[in-house]
Protein backbone atom coordinates (compact mmCIF):
# COMPACT_ATOMS: atom_id res chain seq x y z
CA MET A 1 1.28 18.62 17.51
CA ASN A 2 2.62 21.46 19.61
CA ARG A 3 1.01 22.66 22.80
CA ALA A 4 -1.36 24.93 20.92
CA GLY A 5 -2.68 21.93 18.98
CA LYS A 6 -1.16 23.13 15.72
CA ILE A 7 -0.02 20.41 13.32
CA ARG A 8 3.60 20.96 12.46
CA ARG A 9 5.11 20.07 9.11
CA TYR A 10 7.52 17.40 10.33
CA ILE A 11 7.35 14.35 12.57
CA LEU A 12 10.50 13.00 14.20
CA ARG A 13 9.85 9.47 15.41
CA GLU A 14 12.37 7.68 17.62
CA GLU A 15 13.18 4.04 16.95
CA ARG A 16 14.98 1.36 18.93
CA GLY A 17 18.76 1.74 18.72
CA GLY A 18 18.75 5.50 19.17
CA GLY A 19 17.93 6.54 15.61
CA GLY A 20 14.64 7.40 14.00
CA PHE A 21 12.80 8.83 11.03
CA ILE A 22 11.82 12.36 10.13
CA PHE A 23 8.64 12.59 8.04
CA ASP A 24 7.45 15.53 5.94
CA ARG A 25 3.67 15.77 6.15
CA GLU A 26 3.49 17.88 3.00
CA THR A 27 5.54 15.75 0.61
CA GLY A 28 4.99 12.35 2.23
CA GLN A 29 8.76 11.71 2.27
CA ALA A 30 10.74 10.31 5.20
CA GLU A 31 14.44 10.27 5.97
CA ALA A 32 16.26 7.82 8.24
CA ILE A 33 18.15 9.59 11.04
CA LEU A 34 21.30 8.13 12.62
CA PRO A 35 21.57 8.11 16.45
CA GLU A 36 24.32 10.70 16.44
CA ASP A 37 22.13 13.13 14.44
CA MET A 38 18.96 12.86 16.51
CA ALA A 39 19.79 15.61 18.98
CA SER A 40 20.35 18.20 16.29
CA LYS A 41 17.20 17.19 14.44
CA LYS A 42 15.14 17.68 17.59
CA GLN A 43 16.19 21.34 17.68
CA ARG A 44 14.55 22.07 14.32
CA SER A 45 11.45 24.21 14.27
CA GLU A 46 8.15 22.95 12.85
CA ILE A 47 8.68 19.46 14.20
CA ASP A 48 6.58 17.11 16.31
CA ILE A 49 8.63 14.61 18.32
CA ILE A 50 7.27 11.10 18.91
CA PRO A 51 9.38 9.53 21.65
CA LEU A 52 10.00 5.80 21.79
CA VAL A 53 7.51 4.16 24.13
CA GLU A 54 8.63 1.63 26.71
CA ASN A 55 6.67 -1.22 25.19
CA ALA A 56 7.79 -0.63 21.59
CA PRO A 57 7.96 -3.87 19.59
CA LEU A 58 11.26 -5.68 19.25
CA ARG A 59 10.61 -7.11 15.79
CA ALA A 60 8.94 -4.14 14.09
CA ARG A 61 9.20 -0.39 13.72
CA ALA A 62 8.05 1.73 16.63
CA ALA A 63 4.90 2.39 14.60
CA PRO A 64 3.75 1.59 11.06
CA PHE A 65 4.86 3.91 8.32
CA CYS A 66 1.47 3.36 6.67
CA LEU A 67 -1.91 1.94 7.60
CA TRP A 68 -4.17 0.64 4.86
CA PHE A 69 -7.73 1.30 6.08
CA GLU A 70 -10.53 -0.52 4.28
CA LEU A 71 -13.40 1.91 4.70
CA THR A 72 -15.90 -0.47 3.10
CA ARG A 73 -16.14 -3.81 1.35
CA ARG A 74 -18.78 -2.37 -0.99
CA CYS A 75 -17.70 -1.60 -4.53
CA ASN A 76 -19.24 -0.27 -7.77
CA LEU A 77 -17.31 -2.94 -9.73
CA LYS A 78 -16.93 -6.69 -9.34
CA CYS A 79 -13.64 -7.74 -10.94
CA ASP A 80 -12.74 -11.42 -11.22
CA TYR A 81 -9.24 -10.87 -9.90
CA CYS A 82 -10.27 -8.80 -6.88
CA GLY A 83 -8.50 -9.68 -3.64
CA GLN A 84 -11.71 -9.16 -1.68
CA PRO A 85 -13.86 -12.22 -0.88
CA ASP A 86 -17.20 -12.86 -2.54
CA VAL A 87 -18.97 -12.30 0.79
CA ILE A 88 -18.35 -8.63 1.31
CA GLY A 89 -20.81 -7.73 4.06
CA SER A 90 -19.01 -6.03 6.92
CA GLN A 91 -19.84 -3.54 9.63
CA GLU A 92 -18.58 -0.07 8.84
CA LEU A 93 -17.46 2.06 11.76
CA PRO A 94 -18.95 5.58 12.05
CA VAL A 95 -16.86 8.69 11.72
CA SER A 96 -17.03 9.32 15.49
CA GLU A 97 -15.15 6.07 16.18
CA LEU A 98 -12.77 6.53 13.26
CA ARG A 99 -11.86 10.01 14.47
CA CYS A 100 -10.67 8.58 17.80
CA MET A 101 -8.65 5.92 15.97
CA PHE A 102 -6.96 8.50 13.71
CA GLU A 103 -5.90 10.52 16.71
CA ALA A 104 -4.47 7.39 18.37
CA PHE A 105 -2.53 6.51 15.20
CA ALA A 106 -1.01 9.98 15.05
CA ILE A 107 0.00 9.89 18.71
CA CYS A 108 1.77 6.55 18.10
CA GLY A 109 3.74 8.04 15.21
CA VAL A 110 1.95 6.59 12.19
CA PHE A 111 2.88 8.69 9.14
CA GLU A 112 0.34 7.79 6.44
CA ILE A 113 -3.17 6.41 6.23
CA ARG A 114 -4.32 4.99 2.93
CA PHE A 115 -8.07 4.66 2.43
CA THR A 116 -9.06 1.67 0.33
CA GLY A 117 -11.84 -0.86 0.06
CA GLY A 118 -13.94 -1.98 -1.78
CA GLU A 119 -14.25 1.44 -3.27
CA PRO A 120 -13.69 3.94 -0.42
CA THR A 121 -15.21 6.92 -2.20
CA ILE A 122 -18.70 5.43 -2.21
CA ARG A 123 -19.10 6.01 1.52
CA GLN A 124 -21.45 8.94 2.04
CA ASP A 125 -19.28 10.21 4.89
CA PHE A 126 -16.07 10.01 2.89
CA THR A 127 -15.47 13.77 3.16
CA ASP A 128 -15.77 13.74 6.96
CA ILE A 129 -13.47 10.73 7.19
CA VAL A 130 -10.69 12.30 5.12
CA GLU A 131 -10.90 15.62 6.98
CA SER A 132 -10.79 13.82 10.32
CA ALA A 133 -7.68 11.84 9.36
CA SER A 134 -5.90 14.92 8.00
CA GLY A 135 -6.97 16.93 11.02
CA ALA A 136 -5.28 14.37 13.26
CA GLY A 137 -1.99 15.00 11.46
CA LEU A 138 -1.91 11.97 9.13
CA PHE A 139 -0.75 12.07 5.53
CA VAL A 140 -3.82 10.92 3.58
CA SER A 141 -3.74 8.83 0.41
CA VAL A 142 -6.60 7.08 -1.39
CA ASN A 143 -6.71 3.93 -3.48
CA THR A 144 -9.57 4.09 -5.95
CA ASN A 145 -10.83 2.42 -9.13
CA GLY A 146 -11.51 5.90 -10.51
CA VAL A 147 -15.20 5.22 -11.29
CA ILE A 148 -16.40 8.30 -9.44
CA SER A 149 -19.36 10.54 -10.12
CA THR A 150 -18.68 14.10 -11.25
CA ASP A 151 -20.13 15.57 -8.02
CA ARG A 152 -18.07 13.30 -5.77
CA LEU A 153 -14.92 13.95 -7.76
CA ASP A 154 -15.42 17.70 -7.49
CA GLN A 155 -15.79 17.28 -3.73
CA MET A 156 -12.62 15.18 -3.54
CA LEU A 157 -10.55 17.83 -5.25
CA LEU A 158 -11.17 20.11 -2.26
CA LEU A 159 -10.17 17.48 0.30
CA PRO A 160 -6.72 17.21 1.96
CA ILE A 161 -5.79 14.08 -0.01
CA SER A 162 -2.05 14.14 -0.76
CA LEU A 163 -1.80 11.13 -3.07
CA TYR A 164 -4.21 9.25 -5.34
CA ILE A 165 -3.50 5.63 -6.34
CA VAL A 166 -5.78 4.73 -9.25
CA SER A 167 -6.33 1.15 -10.50
CA LEU A 168 -6.01 0.77 -14.26
CA ASP A 169 -5.33 -2.50 -16.09
CA GLY A 170 -4.11 -1.36 -19.51
CA PRO A 171 -5.29 0.45 -22.64
CA SER A 172 -9.05 0.82 -23.19
CA ASP A 173 -9.83 -2.58 -24.80
CA VAL A 174 -7.63 -4.50 -22.35
CA HIS A 175 -8.91 -2.71 -19.26
CA ASN A 176 -12.58 -3.13 -20.20
CA SER A 177 -12.07 -6.77 -21.10
CA ILE A 178 -10.41 -7.57 -17.76
CA ARG A 179 -12.94 -5.63 -15.71
CA LYS A 180 -15.94 -6.91 -17.67
CA THR A 181 -17.20 -3.33 -17.73
CA ASN A 182 -16.85 -0.17 -19.79
CA SER A 183 -15.21 1.66 -16.88
CA TYR A 184 -12.04 2.78 -18.73
CA LYS A 185 -13.55 6.06 -19.95
CA ASN A 186 -14.75 7.01 -16.48
CA THR A 187 -11.40 6.13 -14.87
CA ILE A 188 -9.42 8.13 -17.45
CA ARG A 189 -11.74 11.10 -16.90
CA THR A 190 -10.95 10.94 -13.20
CA ILE A 191 -7.19 10.71 -13.81
CA LYS A 192 -7.22 13.67 -16.19
CA LYS A 193 -9.17 15.84 -13.78
CA LEU A 194 -6.91 14.94 -10.86
CA VAL A 195 -3.75 15.71 -12.83
CA ALA A 196 -5.22 18.96 -14.21
CA SER A 197 -5.96 20.01 -10.64
CA GLY A 198 -2.33 19.49 -9.63
CA LYS A 199 -2.91 16.25 -7.72
CA ARG A 200 -0.31 13.52 -7.37
CA VAL A 201 -1.51 10.38 -9.19
CA ARG A 202 0.01 6.92 -9.33
CA ILE A 203 -1.33 3.90 -11.17
CA ASN A 204 -1.68 0.35 -9.85
CA THR A 205 -1.85 -2.45 -12.42
CA ILE A 206 -2.47 -6.12 -11.62
CA LEU A 207 -0.43 -8.26 -14.01
CA THR A 208 -2.21 -11.19 -15.64
CA ARG A 209 -1.94 -13.09 -18.91
CA GLU A 210 -4.57 -10.69 -20.29
CA ASN A 211 -2.44 -7.55 -20.15
CA LYS A 212 1.11 -8.90 -20.48
CA ARG A 213 1.54 -7.79 -24.11
CA CYS A 214 0.41 -4.16 -23.91
CA LEU A 215 2.93 -2.67 -21.49
CA SER A 216 4.78 -0.41 -23.95
CA GLN A 217 1.56 1.08 -25.28
CA PHE A 218 0.18 1.45 -21.78
CA VAL A 219 3.28 3.26 -20.46
CA GLY A 220 3.09 5.65 -23.39
CA GLU A 221 -0.53 6.48 -22.62
CA LEU A 222 0.18 6.99 -18.91
CA GLU A 223 3.10 9.27 -19.69
CA SER A 224 0.86 11.44 -21.86
CA LEU A 225 -1.66 11.64 -19.00
CA GLY A 226 0.94 13.12 -16.66
CA VAL A 227 0.77 10.59 -13.85
CA GLU A 228 3.93 10.22 -11.79
CA ALA A 229 4.36 6.45 -11.42
CA LEU A 230 3.16 2.96 -12.29
CA THR A 231 3.18 -0.06 -9.99
CA LEU A 232 3.07 -3.53 -11.56
CA ILE A 233 1.71 -6.18 -9.18
CA PRO A 234 1.48 -9.84 -10.16
CA LEU A 235 -1.92 -11.37 -9.44
CA ARG A 236 -2.23 -12.76 -5.93
CA PRO A 237 -4.43 -15.76 -5.01
CA ALA A 238 -6.72 -13.96 -2.57
CA GLY A 239 -10.40 -13.28 -2.36
CA ARG A 240 -12.29 -13.84 -5.61
CA ALA A 241 -8.95 -14.14 -7.40
CA LYS A 242 -8.39 -17.57 -5.89
CA LYS A 243 -10.87 -19.07 -8.37
CA GLU A 244 -9.11 -17.45 -11.32
CA PHE A 245 -5.51 -17.55 -10.18
CA ARG A 246 -4.22 -20.62 -12.05
CA HIS A 247 -5.88 -19.42 -15.27
CA LYS A 248 -4.84 -15.79 -15.11
CA GLN A 249 -1.42 -15.85 -13.39
CA LEU A 250 1.76 -15.19 -15.32
CA THR A 251 4.29 -17.98 -15.46
CA SER A 252 7.73 -17.25 -14.14
CA GLN A 253 8.99 -17.11 -17.71
CA GLU A 254 6.25 -14.69 -18.80
CA LEU A 255 7.04 -12.45 -15.86
CA SER A 256 10.73 -12.57 -16.70
CA ILE A 257 10.03 -11.42 -20.28
CA LEU A 258 7.79 -8.63 -18.99
CA LEU A 259 10.44 -7.45 -16.52
CA ASP A 260 12.97 -7.32 -19.36
CA GLU A 261 10.57 -4.97 -21.11
CA VAL A 262 10.19 -2.91 -17.92
CA GLN A 263 13.96 -2.44 -17.77
CA THR A 264 14.03 -1.19 -21.35
CA LEU A 265 11.12 1.17 -20.78
CA ARG A 266 12.79 2.69 -17.71
CA SER A 267 15.52 4.05 -19.98
CA THR A 268 13.06 5.75 -22.34
CA THR A 269 10.28 7.10 -20.14
CA SER A 270 10.03 9.72 -17.40
CA LEU A 271 7.40 7.58 -15.70
CA GLU A 272 8.62 5.78 -12.58
CA ILE A 273 7.92 2.05 -12.97
CA ALA A 274 8.01 -0.18 -9.92
CA ALA A 275 7.62 -3.93 -9.88
CA SER A 276 7.95 -6.88 -7.54
CA TYR A 277 10.26 -9.84 -8.26
CA ASP A 278 12.38 -7.30 -10.19
CA LEU A 279 15.95 -8.59 -10.02
CA MET A 280 17.28 -6.19 -12.62
CA SER A 281 16.77 -2.98 -10.73
CA GLU A 282 18.30 -1.74 -7.53
CA GLY A 283 15.52 0.77 -7.15
CA LYS A 284 12.26 0.43 -5.32
CA ILE A 285 10.47 -2.88 -5.53
CA PHE A 286 7.02 -1.54 -4.95
CA ASN A 287 5.54 1.88 -5.56
CA THR A 288 5.73 2.62 -1.85
CA PRO A 289 7.70 5.14 0.20
CA SER A 290 11.47 4.80 0.00
CA TYR A 291 11.73 4.19 3.70
CA PHE A 292 9.99 0.85 3.38
CA THR A 293 12.50 -2.00 3.41
CA LYS A 294 12.88 -4.30 0.42
CA ARG A 295 11.07 -7.00 2.35
CA CYS A 296 7.42 -7.76 3.01
CA VAL A 297 6.32 -4.86 5.16
CA ALA A 298 3.15 -6.52 6.51
CA GLY A 299 3.06 -6.37 10.29
CA VAL A 300 6.52 -4.81 10.48
CA GLU A 301 6.30 -1.46 8.71
CA ALA A 302 2.63 -1.46 7.69
CA ALA A 303 -0.70 -3.00 8.59
CA CYS A 304 -4.32 -3.15 7.47
CA ILE A 305 -7.60 -2.31 9.19
CA ALA A 306 -10.93 -3.80 8.11
CA PRO A 307 -14.13 -1.73 7.98
CA ASN A 308 -15.20 -3.12 11.38
CA GLY A 309 -11.89 -2.25 13.06
CA GLU A 310 -10.14 -5.60 12.81
CA LEU A 311 -6.37 -5.19 12.62
CA ARG A 312 -4.45 -7.45 10.26
CA ALA A 313 -0.91 -7.55 8.90
CA CYS A 314 -1.81 -8.07 5.22
CA ILE A 315 -4.78 -6.63 3.34
CA LEU A 316 -5.15 -9.78 1.26
CA LEU A 317 -5.14 -12.29 4.15
CA ASP A 318 -8.65 -11.94 5.45
CA ASP A 319 -9.15 -15.19 7.35
CA GLU A 320 -10.03 -14.92 11.05
CA SER A 321 -6.75 -16.62 11.94
CA TYR A 322 -4.91 -13.52 10.63
CA VAL A 323 -6.81 -11.03 12.78
CA ILE A 324 -4.39 -9.50 15.32
CA GLY A 325 -7.14 -7.85 17.37
CA ARG A 326 -10.01 -5.40 17.23
CA LEU A 327 -9.41 -1.70 17.64
CA THR A 328 -12.87 -1.31 19.09
CA GLU A 329 -11.73 -3.48 22.01
CA THR A 330 -7.94 -2.98 22.37
CA SER A 331 -5.79 0.08 21.77
CA PHE A 332 -3.72 0.22 18.64
CA GLN A 333 -0.50 0.84 20.56
CA GLN A 334 -1.10 -2.24 22.70
CA LEU A 335 -1.75 -4.45 19.68
CA TRP A 336 1.19 -3.11 17.66
CA ALA A 337 3.63 -3.61 20.55
CA ASP A 338 2.85 -7.27 21.11
CA ASP A 339 5.18 -9.23 18.80
CA ARG A 340 3.56 -12.52 19.70
CA ARG A 341 0.21 -11.48 18.25
CA TRP A 342 1.77 -10.93 14.83
CA GLY A 343 3.13 -14.47 14.61
CA ILE A 344 4.62 -15.40 11.25
CA PHE A 345 4.79 -11.77 10.09
CA ARG A 346 7.50 -11.01 12.64
CA ASP A 347 9.07 -14.46 12.65
CA GLU A 348 12.01 -15.07 10.29
CA SER A 349 11.28 -18.82 10.36
CA ARG A 350 8.41 -18.23 7.92
CA LEU A 351 10.89 -17.41 5.15
CA SER A 352 11.65 -20.11 2.58
CA GLN A 353 15.08 -21.65 2.52
CA ARG A 354 15.25 -20.63 -1.13
CA CYS A 355 14.75 -16.94 -0.21
CA LYS A 356 17.26 -17.08 2.64
CA ALA A 357 19.94 -18.46 0.34
CA CYS A 358 19.17 -16.09 -2.55
CA LYS A 359 21.60 -13.21 -3.17
CA PHE A 360 18.74 -11.03 -4.39
CA PHE A 361 16.57 -11.44 -1.30
CA SER A 362 15.89 -8.15 0.53
CA SER A 363 18.18 -6.21 -1.81
CA GLN A 364 16.32 -6.55 -5.14
CA CYS A 365 13.48 -8.92 -4.27
CA PRO A 366 11.17 -8.99 -1.25
CA GLY A 367 10.91 -12.79 -1.33
CA THR A 368 7.89 -15.02 -1.50
CA CYS A 369 4.58 -13.35 -0.64
CA GLN A 370 2.78 -14.78 2.40
CA VAL A 371 -0.45 -14.82 0.36
CA ILE A 372 1.18 -17.20 -2.11
CA SER A 373 2.70 -19.32 0.68
CA SER A 374 -0.72 -19.63 2.27
CA TYR A 375 -2.39 -20.59 -1.03
CA PHE A 376 0.14 -23.35 -1.78
CA ASP A 377 0.49 -24.24 1.92
CA SER A 378 4.26 -23.94 1.61
CA PRO A 379 6.78 -21.10 1.62
CA GLU A 380 8.90 -23.05 -0.87
CA VAL A 381 6.39 -22.77 -3.75
CA ASP A 382 6.32 -19.50 -5.70
CA PRO A 383 5.25 -19.47 -9.38
CA TYR A 384 6.68 -15.97 -9.78
CA CYS A 385 10.21 -16.62 -8.46
CA GLN A 386 12.80 -15.30 -10.93
CA LEU A 387 15.74 -17.21 -9.54
CA VAL A 388 15.61 -19.75 -12.36
CA HIS A 389 16.15 -16.94 -14.89
CA THR A 390 19.14 -15.30 -13.18
CA GLY A 391 21.73 -17.90 -14.07
């Protein structure tokens, strides 16, 4: 912000090495700035400058590009493949405490905050939370299952939410079968209303054996709805999904066939399709900002906050051993700066030898997910690895 407290359109955040990133608060886009160009960028109007702090981390960005904030563990659905644990009780911090956190994040140079859960929109104070985050200067996005009441959806349309990420598992019969509910109609109603109101909408789809054969039909339906992108995420063995993982996961061969289909669809649709383990595309791996590296961003470029203020690297690794610290006790800047606290997430030794030797690693594949490594108790085991299909 400037001295008058006005939020300017751009943030220029300095990084180690003399360069940095300039972020557009309106579009949510960021551009890497070379050291030799920093001085000229600082002269631009409508820009807030975030200088590099003395204790900036050595093995991570000066601040996260994005923070995933779990506002609640409560949800109006209970899907078998959910990454949340069966025991969902958790303290939820009041808006007064959240407001202070949002301001601290903005001061540190965090660009985006993504509200998730559970289902974040079921919090009665959701409106106040969003307005507080936006008021602090953060780009606000929301991850929702789309099962939202008419009144709440009408309220949301008036909020400063810049991006909606809606979970949808496939066409009507497939989605309802996977979710064990008749939620498809409600979710589609939400998507249509968001798009009609000029909102940016992206779709997240968890890939399982149950929806592997409907991709072409699904992409056609999404294109007709007017959403801007689709992210395909293979099922991860976390939370309740641990019980179902071996039954629902795609095999490496099944994923390979599906990715072949993705590549074909990309040439025929205007819909942006992003996928992990995608060795055929030099584009984005995940449906995340382009300034994220093609590596796991947990603890390096992004982090997660639990409803009670616990800071973690990965939203799916919920065990106490993965808690970095508590924002109700220690400042965010202090926790982010301490490389030792982040352990394996900032330690290259955690990478599998297979990934290190792979020509696709970090260029077209982010490598083995830490959630999978934890589940199999080894970084060398990954049922989704496509290396065997690359020749």
